[in-house]
Protein backbone atom coordinates (compact mmCIF):
# COMPACT_ATOMS: atom_id res chain seq x y z
CA MET A 1 -219.39 15.52 -42.20
CA ALA A 2 -218.58 14.78 -45.47
CA ARG A 3 -219.46 11.42 -46.37
CA LEU A 4 -218.29 8.78 -48.77
CA LYS A 5 -220.47 6.19 -51.08
CA VAL A 6 -218.20 2.89 -51.62
CA THR A 7 -219.70 0.77 -53.99
CA GLN A 8 -217.54 -2.18 -55.13
CA ILE A 9 -217.28 -2.60 -58.76
CA ARG A 10 -214.98 -5.72 -59.35
CA SER A 11 -214.64 -9.25 -56.96
CA GLY A 12 -212.29 -9.63 -54.44
CA ILE A 13 -212.15 -13.46 -55.94
CA GLY A 14 -207.97 -14.16 -56.84
CA ASN A 15 -206.80 -11.17 -54.71
CA LYS A 16 -204.91 -11.11 -51.63
CA GLN A 17 -206.48 -12.06 -48.29
CA ASN A 18 -205.95 -8.82 -47.02
CA GLN A 19 -207.68 -6.74 -49.28
CA ARG A 20 -210.66 -9.54 -49.11
CA ASP A 21 -210.51 -8.61 -45.34
CA THR A 22 -211.03 -5.02 -46.24
CA LEU A 23 -213.91 -5.46 -48.35
CA ARG A 24 -215.93 -7.24 -45.57
CA SER A 25 -214.46 -4.63 -43.32
CA LEU A 26 -215.97 -1.98 -45.41
CA GLY A 27 -219.57 -3.76 -45.43
CA LEU A 28 -218.85 -4.99 -49.03
CA LYS A 29 -220.30 -8.83 -49.68
CA ARG A 30 -221.13 -9.10 -53.24
CA VAL A 31 -220.25 -6.88 -56.82
CA HIS A 32 -222.56 -3.83 -57.02
CA ASP A 33 -222.98 -3.49 -53.27
CA VAL A 34 -223.05 0.12 -52.13
CA VAL A 35 -222.39 1.11 -48.45
CA VAL A 36 -221.81 5.13 -47.31
CA LYS A 37 -219.43 5.72 -44.27
CA GLU A 38 -218.22 8.95 -42.98
CA ASP A 39 -214.83 10.42 -44.64
CA ARG A 40 -212.61 9.33 -41.83
CA PRO A 41 -208.80 8.72 -42.20
CA GLU A 42 -209.38 5.01 -41.11
CA ILE A 43 -212.05 4.40 -43.91
CA ARG A 44 -209.63 6.59 -46.32
CA GLY A 45 -206.86 3.92 -45.79
CA MET A 46 -209.29 1.00 -46.27
CA VAL A 47 -210.40 2.41 -49.41
CA ARG A 48 -206.96 3.13 -50.35
CA THR A 49 -205.95 -0.58 -50.14
CA VAL A 50 -208.90 -2.01 -52.50
CA THR A 51 -209.34 1.18 -55.08
CA HIS A 52 -208.75 -1.48 -57.80
CA LEU A 53 -212.46 -3.11 -56.50
CA VAL A 54 -214.56 0.04 -55.82
CA ARG A 55 -215.65 3.56 -56.79
CA VAL A 56 -215.71 6.24 -54.21
CA GLU A 57 -217.61 8.99 -54.43
CA GLU A 58 -218.61 11.76 -52.22
CA VAL A 59 -222.05 13.00 -50.98
CA GLU A 60 -223.54 15.00 -48.63
């Protein structure tokens, strides 16, 4: 199954609370943090919520 490499590129400060909570749920705490998650609909939805704060790449 494909995996997604999610990198936080912008701070969550000044954004809505649900966007900050989504970053935390993804496991991102600070700028330049990187997490690798399985490519599932739940994760895709979370990434869609914070697309302006993260960079996403597919890895194998």
